[in-house]
Amino acid sequence: MKLTDTECRKAQPKDKRYRLSDENWLSLLVTPSGQKYWNIGFTVFGERKSESLGPYTDMSLKKARELALELKYKYSKSVLREEIKPFFKDKGISILKHKQK
C-alpha cells in the first residue's frame, strides 16, 4: 500500500524502530528518538539488503520514490553486468584449457 505524506509526517516514535512501507521496497524508518530516514530494500543473489536514502526532513515522499526507482534501475543493471562477467571469464578459461590439450 502506498504511503501518504500525512502518514509520514504523523509517524510517532515507539520503543523499537519500525518501518512504514511504500511501493518498490521503499520505506520510512522511524527510530525511538523520533528520527525518520528513507530506506530502500533490494535483493542480491537471494540475499536481502537495504540502503539509506537520507533523512525524511531533507527529502519529500515524492522525491524518495523517484530516487528509489532510479537506484533500483541502476543497481539492477550493474548486478546483471557483474553476473555476466564471471560467466564469460569462465567460458574463456575453459576454451583456453581445451585448446592447450
C-alpha atoms as a PDB file:
ATOM      1  CA  MET A   1       0.000   0.000   0.000  1.00  0.00           C
ATOM      2  CA  LYS A   2       1.283   3.465  -0.848  1.00  0.00           C
ATOM      3  CA  LEU A   3       2.298   5.813   1.921  1.00  0.00           C
ATOM      4  CA  THR A   4       0.902   9.319   2.141  1.00  0.00           C
ATOM      5  CA  ASP A   5       2.830  12.398   3.189  1.00  0.00           C
ATOM      6  CA  THR A   6       0.434  12.778   6.135  1.00  0.00           C
ATOM      7  CA  GLU A   7       1.261   9.270   7.405  1.00  0.00           C
ATOM      8  CA  CYS A   8       4.978  10.040   7.170  1.00  0.00           C
ATOM      9  CA  ARG A   9       4.636  13.369   8.943  1.00  0.00           C
ATOM     10  CA  LYS A  10       2.475  11.930  11.750  1.00  0.00           C
ATOM     11  CA  ALA A  11       4.619   8.824  12.383  1.00  0.00           C
ATOM     12  CA  GLN A  12       5.458   8.784  16.092  1.00  0.00           C
ATOM     13  CA  PRO A  13       8.443   7.109  17.789  1.00  0.00           C
ATOM     14  CA  LYS A  14       7.904   3.774  19.537  1.00  0.00           C
ATOM     15  CA  ASP A  15      10.021   1.676  21.909  1.00  0.00           C
ATOM     16  CA  LYS A  16      11.708  -0.001  18.931  1.00  0.00           C
ATOM     17  CA  ARG A  17      12.436   1.274  15.459  1.00  0.00           C
ATOM     18  CA  TYR A  18       9.846   0.396  12.832  1.00  0.00           C
ATOM     19  CA  ARG A  19       9.150   0.875   9.142  1.00  0.00           C
ATOM     20  CA  LEU A  20       6.269   2.318   7.182  1.00  0.00           C
ATOM     21  CA  SER A  21       6.332   0.555   3.818  1.00  0.00           C
ATOM     22  CA  ASP A  22       5.656   2.091   0.429  1.00  0.00           C
ATOM     23  CA  GLU A  23       5.898   0.674  -3.080  1.00  0.00           C
ATOM     24  CA  ASN A  24       9.087  -0.632  -4.735  1.00  0.00           C
ATOM     25  CA  TRP A  25      10.594  -1.619  -1.363  1.00  0.00           C
ATOM     26  CA  LEU A  26      10.816   1.998  -0.256  1.00  0.00           C
ATOM     27  CA  SER A  27      10.175   2.502   3.447  1.00  0.00           C
ATOM     28  CA  LEU A  28      10.351   5.169   6.104  1.00  0.00           C
ATOM     29  CA  LEU A  29      12.370   4.023   9.108  1.00  0.00           C
ATOM     30  CA  VAL A  30      11.244   5.636  12.380  1.00  0.00           C
ATOM     31  CA  THR A  31      13.668   5.423  15.322  1.00  0.00           C
ATOM     32  CA  PRO A  32      12.838   5.510  19.061  1.00  0.00           C
ATOM     33  CA  SER A  33      14.361   9.010  19.214  1.00  0.00           C
ATOM     34  CA  GLY A  34      11.879  10.212  16.574  1.00  0.00           C
ATOM     35  CA  GLN A  35      14.296  10.467  13.660  1.00  0.00           C
ATOM     36  CA  LYS A  36      12.936   9.377  10.287  1.00  0.00           C
ATOM     37  CA  TYR A  37      15.011   8.016   7.405  1.00  0.00           C
ATOM     38  CA  TRP A  38      14.138   6.865   3.903  1.00  0.00           C
ATOM     39  CA  ASN A  39      15.342   3.367   3.175  1.00  0.00           C
ATOM     40  CA  ILE A  40      15.259   1.160   0.084  1.00  0.00           C
ATOM     41  CA  GLY A  41      15.406  -2.617   0.105  1.00  0.00           C
ATOM     42  CA  PHE A  42      16.650  -4.888  -2.656  1.00  0.00           C
ATOM     43  CA  THR A  43      17.747  -8.457  -3.204  1.00  0.00           C
ATOM     44  CA  VAL A  44      21.200  -9.550  -4.386  1.00  0.00           C
ATOM     45  CA  PHE A  45      21.615 -13.219  -5.249  1.00  0.00           C
ATOM     46  CA  GLY A  46      18.694 -14.089  -2.975  1.00  0.00           C
ATOM     47  CA  GLU A  47      20.002 -12.075  -0.005  1.00  0.00           C
ATOM     48  CA  ARG A  48      18.016  -9.073   1.246  1.00  0.00           C
ATOM     49  CA  LYS A  49      19.971  -5.818   1.502  1.00  0.00           C
ATOM     50  CA  SER A  50      18.958  -2.266   2.370  1.00  0.00           C
ATOM     51  CA  GLU A  51      20.377   1.178   1.786  1.00  0.00           C
ATOM     52  CA  SER A  52      19.578   4.534   3.389  1.00  0.00           C
ATOM     53  CA  LEU A  53      18.470   7.322   1.053  1.00  0.00           C
ATOM     54  CA  GLY A  54      18.637  10.066   3.669  1.00  0.00           C
ATOM     55  CA  PRO A  55      16.571  11.775   6.352  1.00  0.00           C
ATOM     56  CA  TYR A  56      12.858  12.445   5.895  1.00  0.00           C
ATOM     57  CA  THR A  57      13.401  16.123   6.715  1.00  0.00           C
ATOM     58  CA  ASP A  58      15.678  16.507   3.663  1.00  0.00           C
ATOM     59  CA  MET A  59      13.580  14.585   1.132  1.00  0.00           C
ATOM     60  CA  SER A  60       9.879  14.539   0.283  1.00  0.00           C
ATOM     61  CA  LEU A  61       7.950  11.320  -0.279  1.00  0.00           C
ATOM     62  CA  LYS A  62       7.724  12.098  -3.997  1.00  0.00           C
ATOM     63  CA  LYS A  63      11.487  12.668  -4.271  1.00  0.00           C
ATOM     64  CA  ALA A  64      12.239   9.499  -2.251  1.00  0.00           C
ATOM     65  CA  ARG A  65      10.049   7.466  -4.631  1.00  0.00           C
ATOM     66  CA  GLU A  66      11.829   8.908  -7.669  1.00  0.00           C
ATOM     67  CA  LEU A  67      15.268   8.248  -6.183  1.00  0.00           C
ATOM     68  CA  ALA A  68      14.307   4.710  -5.108  1.00  0.00           C
ATOM     69  CA  LEU A  69      13.105   3.845  -8.603  1.00  0.00           C
ATOM     70  CA  GLU A  70      16.234   5.342 -10.190  1.00  0.00           C
ATOM     71  CA  LEU A  71      18.577   3.482  -7.824  1.00  0.00           C
ATOM     72  CA  LYS A  72      16.774   0.156  -8.295  1.00  0.00           C
ATOM     73  CA  TYR A  73      17.084   0.534 -12.079  1.00  0.00           C
ATOM     74  CA  LYS A  74      20.783   1.455 -11.942  1.00  0.00           C
ATOM     75  CA  TYR A  75      21.517  -1.277  -9.416  1.00  0.00           C
ATOM     76  CA  SER A  76      19.729  -3.962 -11.440  1.00  0.00           C
ATOM     77  CA  LYS A  77      21.837  -3.042 -14.477  1.00  0.00           C
ATOM     78  CA  SER A  78      25.109  -3.258 -12.518  1.00  0.00           C
ATOM     79  CA  VAL A  79      24.143  -6.602 -10.936  1.00  0.00           C
ATOM     80  CA  LEU A  80      23.379  -8.034 -14.355  1.00  0.00           C
ATOM     81  CA  ARG A  81      26.765  -6.896 -15.631  1.00  0.00           C
ATOM     82  CA  GLU A  82      28.539  -8.423 -12.630  1.00  0.00           C
ATOM     83  CA  GLU A  83      26.678 -11.722 -13.139  1.00  0.00           C
ATOM     84  CA  ILE A  84      27.699 -11.836 -16.803  1.00  0.00           C
ATOM     85  CA  LYS A  85      31.414 -11.042 -16.309  1.00  0.00           C
ATOM     86  CA  PRO A  86      32.315 -14.258 -14.422  1.00  0.00           C
ATOM     87  CA  PHE A  87      30.307 -16.320 -16.915  1.00  0.00           C
ATOM     88  CA  PHE A  88      32.344 -15.046 -19.871  1.00  0.00           C
ATOM     89  CA  LYS A  89      35.607 -15.250 -17.928  1.00  0.00           C
ATOM     90  CA  ASP A  90      34.920 -18.912 -17.026  1.00  0.00           C
ATOM     91  CA  LYS A  91      33.976 -19.706 -20.620  1.00  0.00           C
ATOM     92  CA  GLY A  92      37.161 -18.076 -21.897  1.00  0.00           C
ATOM     93  CA  ILE A  93      39.334 -20.033 -19.454  1.00  0.00           C
ATOM     94  CA  SER A  94      37.668 -23.330 -20.374  1.00  0.00           C
ATOM     95  CA  ILE A  95      38.201 -22.639 -24.099  1.00  0.00           C
ATOM     96  CA  LEU A  96      41.896 -21.840 -23.499  1.00  0.00           C
ATOM     97  CA  LYS A  97      42.362 -25.007 -21.441  1.00  0.00           C
ATOM     98  CA  HIS A  98      40.665 -27.062 -24.147  1.00  0.00           C
ATOM     99  CA  LYS A  99      42.923 -25.576 -26.863  1.00  0.00           C
ATOM    100  CA  GLN A 100      46.066 -26.288 -24.789  1.00  0.00           C
ATOM    101  CA  LYS A 101      45.311 -30.037 -24.698  1.00  0.00           C
END
